Protein backbone atom coordinates (compact mmCIF):
# COMPACT_ATOMS: atom_id res chain seq x y z
CA MET A 1 23.13 -2.73 1.78
CA LYS A 2 23.92 -1.68 -1.67
CA VAL A 3 21.76 1.03 -2.82
CA ILE A 4 21.55 1.19 -6.56
CA ARG A 5 19.23 3.77 -8.65
CA SER A 6 19.84 2.10 -12.37
CA ILE A 7 17.80 -1.08 -13.60
CA ALA A 8 21.56 -2.11 -15.92
CA GLU A 9 23.26 -2.29 -12.46
CA LEU A 10 20.61 -3.99 -10.62
CA ARG A 11 20.79 -6.60 -13.05
CA ASN A 12 24.26 -6.99 -13.47
CA ALA A 13 25.34 -6.98 -9.46
CA LEU A 14 22.07 -9.90 -9.42
CA LYS A 15 23.93 -11.93 -12.30
CA GLU A 16 27.35 -11.83 -10.94
CA GLU A 17 26.06 -13.10 -7.42
CA ARG A 18 24.16 -15.43 -9.29
CA ALA A 19 27.37 -16.57 -11.04
CA ALA A 20 29.21 -16.73 -7.56
CA ARG A 21 26.37 -18.70 -5.78
CA PRO A 22 25.17 -21.33 -7.79
CA GLY A 23 21.49 -22.47 -6.59
CA LEU A 24 21.25 -18.73 -4.68
CA ALA A 25 17.36 -17.99 -3.77
CA VAL A 26 16.52 -14.32 -4.34
CA GLY A 27 14.05 -12.92 -2.93
CA PHE A 28 11.79 -9.39 -3.43
CA VAL A 29 9.86 -7.21 -1.79
CA PRO A 30 8.47 -4.47 -4.04
CA THR A 31 7.10 -1.33 -1.92
CA MET A 32 6.17 1.91 -2.34
CA GLY A 33 8.26 3.93 0.38
CA TYR A 34 7.55 5.13 3.30
CA LEU A 35 8.15 1.53 4.77
CA HIS A 36 6.55 0.54 8.51
CA GLU A 37 6.90 -2.89 10.08
CA GLY A 38 4.25 -4.27 7.53
CA HIS A 39 7.21 -3.83 5.05
CA ALA A 40 9.86 -4.94 7.80
CA SER A 41 7.51 -8.20 8.04
CA LEU A 42 7.98 -8.76 4.59
CA LEU A 43 11.86 -8.11 4.27
CA LYS A 44 11.71 -10.73 7.68
CA ALA A 45 9.80 -13.36 5.82
CA ALA A 46 12.46 -12.46 2.76
CA ARG A 47 15.04 -12.89 5.26
CA GLN A 48 14.18 -16.37 6.28
CA SER A 49 13.82 -18.22 3.58
CA CYS A 50 16.09 -16.62 0.74
CA ASP A 51 19.92 -16.20 0.42
CA THR A 52 19.44 -12.60 -1.22
CA VAL A 53 16.82 -10.06 -0.59
CA VAL A 54 15.90 -7.04 -2.78
CA LEU A 55 13.66 -4.46 -1.97
CA SER A 56 12.62 -1.50 -4.06
CA ILE A 57 11.29 1.77 -3.17
CA PHE A 58 9.10 3.27 -6.49
CA VAL A 59 6.19 5.14 -6.23
CA ASN A 60 4.34 3.84 -9.27
CA PRO A 61 2.61 6.97 -10.30
CA LEU A 62 0.49 4.59 -13.31
CA GLN A 63 -1.12 3.44 -10.87
CA PHE A 64 -2.83 7.24 -9.08
CA GLY A 65 -5.77 8.41 -10.86
CA PRO A 66 -6.67 11.61 -11.55
CA GLY A 67 -6.85 14.13 -8.38
CA GLU A 68 -5.01 11.10 -6.50
CA ASP A 69 -2.19 11.29 -3.82
CA TYR A 70 0.41 10.76 -6.37
CA GLU A 71 2.30 13.96 -5.46
CA THR A 72 1.77 14.07 -1.79
CA TYR A 73 2.30 10.10 -0.80
CA PRO A 74 4.92 9.97 1.67
CA ARG A 75 8.22 9.94 1.13
CA ASP A 76 11.34 9.44 3.26
CA GLU A 77 14.43 7.81 1.18
CA GLN A 78 16.36 8.10 4.01
CA ARG A 79 14.63 6.77 7.20
CA ASP A 80 13.83 3.52 4.31
CA LEU A 81 17.23 3.06 3.89
CA ALA A 82 17.94 2.63 7.45
CA VAL A 83 14.90 0.40 8.07
CA ALA A 84 15.73 -1.56 4.76
CA GLU A 85 19.19 -2.18 5.84
CA ALA A 86 18.53 -2.93 9.51
CA GLU A 87 16.22 -5.56 8.49
CA GLY A 88 18.82 -7.41 5.97
CA ALA A 89 18.29 -6.41 2.74
CA ASP A 90 21.25 -7.03 0.59
CA TYR A 91 19.98 -4.24 -2.36
CA ALA A 92 18.03 -1.92 -2.17
CA PHE A 93 16.55 -0.91 -5.85
CA LEU A 94 15.41 2.93 -6.04
CA PRO A 95 14.81 3.76 -9.62
CA SER A 96 13.37 7.22 -11.06
CA VAL A 97 10.75 7.75 -12.99
CA ALA A 98 12.68 8.75 -15.85
CA GLU A 99 14.78 4.74 -14.80
CA MET A 100 11.23 2.61 -14.99
CA TYR A 101 9.73 4.90 -17.82
CA PRO A 102 12.39 6.18 -20.14
CA SER A 103 9.42 7.09 -23.01
CA PRO A 104 5.53 7.29 -22.77
CA THR A 105 4.66 3.80 -21.83
CA LYS A 106 2.62 1.46 -24.67
CA THR A 107 2.64 -1.85 -23.23
CA LYS A 108 0.31 -2.23 -20.20
CA VAL A 109 -0.90 -5.63 -18.25
CA THR A 110 -4.57 -5.78 -17.96
CA VAL A 111 -5.60 -8.73 -15.76
CA GLY A 112 -9.39 -9.39 -15.82
CA GLN A 113 -12.29 -10.31 -13.97
CA VAL A 114 -10.37 -10.23 -10.02
CA THR A 115 -9.95 -6.38 -10.63
CA GLU A 116 -13.98 -5.71 -11.77
CA ARG A 117 -14.72 -5.43 -8.29
CA LEU A 118 -13.91 -3.33 -5.17
CA CYS A 119 -10.51 -1.43 -5.70
CA GLY A 120 -10.54 -1.73 -9.55
CA ALA A 121 -14.21 -0.65 -9.91
CA SER A 122 -13.63 2.29 -7.56
CA ARG A 123 -10.14 3.42 -8.88
CA PRO A 124 -10.66 2.54 -12.67
CA GLY A 125 -6.65 2.13 -14.45
CA HIS A 126 -5.34 1.06 -10.45
CA PHE A 127 -4.26 -2.66 -11.26
CA ASP A 128 -3.51 -2.06 -14.59
CA GLY A 129 -0.60 0.14 -13.57
CA VAL A 130 0.00 -2.48 -10.64
CA ALA A 131 -0.06 -5.15 -13.11
CA THR A 132 2.59 -2.97 -15.35
CA VAL A 133 4.82 -1.83 -12.95
CA VAL A 134 5.06 -5.83 -10.88
CA THR A 135 5.77 -7.01 -14.52
CA LYS A 136 8.49 -4.65 -14.73
CA LEU A 137 10.39 -5.55 -11.31
CA LEU A 138 9.75 -8.97 -11.92
CA ASN A 139 11.58 -9.13 -14.99
CA ILE A 140 14.28 -7.04 -13.59
CA VAL A 141 15.03 -8.55 -10.36
CA GLN A 142 13.83 -12.43 -11.68
CA PRO A 143 13.23 -13.47 -8.04
CA ASP A 144 12.42 -16.72 -6.94
CA ARG A 145 10.11 -15.70 -4.69
CA ALA A 146 8.66 -12.02 -4.00
CA PHE A 147 6.46 -11.07 -0.94
CA PHE A 148 3.36 -8.65 -0.54
CA GLY A 149 1.29 -7.90 2.11
CA MET A 150 -2.24 -9.19 2.54
CA LYS A 151 -3.41 -5.97 3.56
CA ASP A 152 -4.04 -5.40 0.06
CA ALA A 153 -5.42 -8.94 -1.14
CA GLN A 154 -7.17 -7.97 -4.11
CA GLN A 155 -3.79 -6.81 -5.32
CA VAL A 156 -2.27 -10.46 -3.76
CA ALA A 157 -4.71 -11.88 -6.11
CA VAL A 158 -4.73 -10.02 -9.12
CA ILE A 159 -0.60 -10.76 -8.96
CA GLN A 160 -1.12 -14.44 -8.28
CA GLN A 161 -3.62 -14.60 -11.61
CA MET A 162 -1.07 -12.25 -13.48
CA THR A 163 1.66 -14.69 -12.69
CA LEU A 164 -0.08 -17.59 -13.51
CA ASP A 165 -1.14 -17.10 -16.50
CA LEU A 166 2.08 -15.63 -17.72
CA ASN A 167 3.89 -18.31 -16.44
CA LEU A 168 6.38 -16.36 -14.72
CA PRO A 169 8.68 -17.84 -13.21
CA VAL A 170 8.50 -16.97 -9.60
CA GLU A 171 6.35 -17.71 -6.09
CA ILE A 172 4.35 -15.40 -4.82
CA VAL A 173 4.19 -15.43 -1.23
CA PRO A 174 1.49 -13.74 0.80
CA CYS A 175 2.30 -12.34 4.28
CA PRO A 176 -0.37 -11.91 7.00
CA THR A 177 -1.92 -8.25 7.87
CA LEU A 178 0.33 -5.97 10.59
CA ARG A 179 -1.73 -4.24 13.13
CA GLU A 180 -1.31 -1.50 15.52
CA ALA A 181 -2.25 -2.60 19.10
CA ASP A 182 -5.96 -1.06 18.76
CA GLY A 183 -6.45 -3.20 15.44
CA LEU A 184 -5.83 -0.40 12.68
CA ALA A 185 -3.83 -1.73 9.53
CA ARG A 186 -0.52 -0.82 9.13
CA SER A 187 -0.32 1.46 6.44
CA SER A 188 1.98 4.15 4.77
CA ARG A 189 -1.54 6.52 4.98
CA ASN A 190 -1.96 6.07 8.71
CA VAL A 191 0.50 9.23 8.54
CA TYR A 192 -2.68 11.44 6.71
CA LEU A 193 -5.29 10.41 9.50
CA SER A 194 -5.76 13.63 12.29
CA GLU A 195 -5.58 12.61 15.87
CA GLU A 196 -9.66 11.94 15.91
CA GLU A 197 -9.90 9.82 12.84
CA ARG A 198 -6.83 8.18 13.50
CA LYS A 199 -9.40 7.24 16.58
CA GLN A 200 -12.33 6.28 14.84
CA ALA A 201 -10.53 4.80 12.28
CA VAL A 202 -10.14 1.38 14.45
CA VAL A 203 -14.04 0.72 13.38
CA LEU A 204 -12.80 -0.96 10.10
CA TYR A 205 -11.38 -3.81 12.49
CA GLU A 206 -13.76 -3.89 15.30
CA ALA A 207 -16.26 -4.12 11.50
CA LEU A 208 -14.30 -6.74 10.70
CA SER A 209 -13.74 -8.71 13.68
CA LEU A 210 -17.70 -8.28 14.01
CA ALA A 211 -18.40 -10.20 10.81
CA ARG A 212 -15.81 -12.93 11.76
CA SER A 213 -17.53 -13.14 14.41
CA LEU A 214 -21.23 -12.83 12.94
CA ALA A 215 -20.08 -15.80 10.09
CA GLU A 216 -18.99 -18.19 13.04
CA ALA A 217 -21.95 -18.25 14.86
CA ASP A 218 -24.92 -18.47 11.77
CA ARG A 219 -22.93 -20.33 8.32
CA GLN A 220 -26.48 -19.76 6.60
CA MET A 221 -26.34 -16.05 7.04
CA THR A 222 -26.21 -14.59 3.73
CA ALA A 223 -23.00 -12.03 1.98
CA GLU A 224 -25.79 -9.70 1.65
CA GLU A 225 -26.93 -9.77 4.97
CA LEU A 226 -23.27 -9.72 6.61
CA LYS A 227 -22.47 -7.44 4.39
CA ARG A 228 -25.54 -4.63 6.32
CA HIS A 229 -23.97 -5.30 9.73
CA ILE A 230 -20.83 -4.21 8.16
CA GLU A 231 -21.59 -1.23 7.26
CA ALA A 232 -23.88 -0.43 10.01
CA LYS A 233 -21.07 -1.06 12.72
CA ILE A 234 -18.87 1.41 9.98
CA SER A 235 -21.38 4.18 9.76
CA SER A 236 -21.32 4.48 13.43
CA ALA A 237 -17.93 6.07 13.42
CA PRO A 238 -19.15 9.70 12.18
CA LEU A 239 -16.30 10.38 10.15
CA ALA A 240 -16.25 7.28 8.30
CA ARG A 241 -17.17 7.36 4.61
CA ILE A 242 -17.60 4.04 2.89
CA ASP A 243 -15.96 3.14 -0.63
CA TYR A 244 -16.94 -0.17 -0.49
CA ALA A 245 -18.01 -2.81 2.14
CA GLU A 246 -17.72 -6.63 0.35
CA VAL A 247 -18.42 -10.13 0.71
CA LEU A 248 -17.35 -12.02 -1.94
CA ALA A 249 -15.72 -15.37 -2.86
CA TYR A 250 -11.82 -15.62 -2.64
CA PRO A 251 -8.88 -15.28 -4.32
CA SER A 252 -12.08 -15.16 -7.23
CA LEU A 253 -13.93 -12.29 -5.75
CA GLU A 254 -16.90 -13.59 -7.17
CA PRO A 255 -20.54 -12.85 -5.17
CA VAL A 256 -21.57 -15.30 -3.21
CA GLY A 257 -25.09 -16.36 -1.90
CA LYS A 258 -25.21 -18.55 1.81
CA LEU A 259 -21.75 -17.99 3.79
CA ALA A 260 -22.04 -22.01 4.38
CA GLU A 261 -22.05 -22.52 0.74
CA ALA A 262 -18.85 -20.52 0.07
CA GLY A 263 -15.84 -21.55 1.18
CA ARG A 264 -13.30 -18.73 1.69
CA VAL A 265 -14.38 -15.39 1.65
CA ILE A 266 -12.86 -11.98 2.00
CA VAL A 267 -14.85 -9.37 4.00
CA ALA A 268 -13.07 -6.40 2.29
CA LEU A 269 -13.25 -2.63 3.19
CA ALA A 270 -12.09 0.61 1.91
CA VAL A 271 -13.51 3.57 4.28
CA LYS A 272 -12.15 7.62 3.62
CA PHE A 273 -11.79 9.42 6.95
CA GLY A 274 -11.46 12.79 5.41
CA ARG A 275 -8.83 13.07 2.44
CA THR A 276 -7.98 9.65 3.72
CA ARG A 277 -8.59 6.07 2.04
CA LEU A 278 -8.02 2.99 4.42
CA ILE A 279 -8.05 -0.27 3.01
CA ASP A 280 -8.80 -3.59 5.21
CA ASN A 281 -9.99 -6.93 4.82
CA MET A 282 -10.46 -10.20 6.60
CA ILE A 283 -10.16 -13.90 5.04
CA LEU A 284 -12.89 -16.33 6.67
CA GLU A 285 -12.24 -20.16 6.12
């Protein structure tokens, strides 16, 4: 595995490899590091379907708002590189902030509508930062396929819409959420949880599982009724503070009435435990 920190060096390395191997399929896994089994599953998926795999690790300041955890976001470069190499990454791209943003950014990528609810509503500007950095990374790597975890399903919807609208020549591959044995979605931010917060955080998966059971039992239930059941379940955990719990059409993220008339819906959650904000979701067909 080659560790590369400059845009020019990565572009040159991939240019040489493409020239030497016509028809080369490049897979790309963009991350903010502090890799866990969820990230490893993305690398596995990329390894299985692509000839060359590029992993990026970059904690992107543009997607953090004032008072959020940019400075304290967990980082462990050596451990990340060991995980990446074990999972078969060919290139690990670790640019600095100065490399990615050598001067104040005057251009940003904004995706409308799908960014207006859920995390887009509670974290203004977040998805502008995501869309901008992902566009930059896709332009740098120029992959055939890019792999994203469905734990952040709104992010997947935003990036799919962006690549469609801008005719970016890349296939976005959504990958399933990986969970702990008790159902908690794997996340770099789980490390922030105290022992009691970690114990109570499983209520997110319990709420999603309840939503699925209720929806399967009564397709005439409305999204609003299902939402009330979900909120009641989450509120049974004393430390849980609900940021949002929503039932929306997916991937449009538009409001829905009766579930039976909605087709594919997402049950999406953001809940705080102490200083830690966790997101999770489940797609209901």
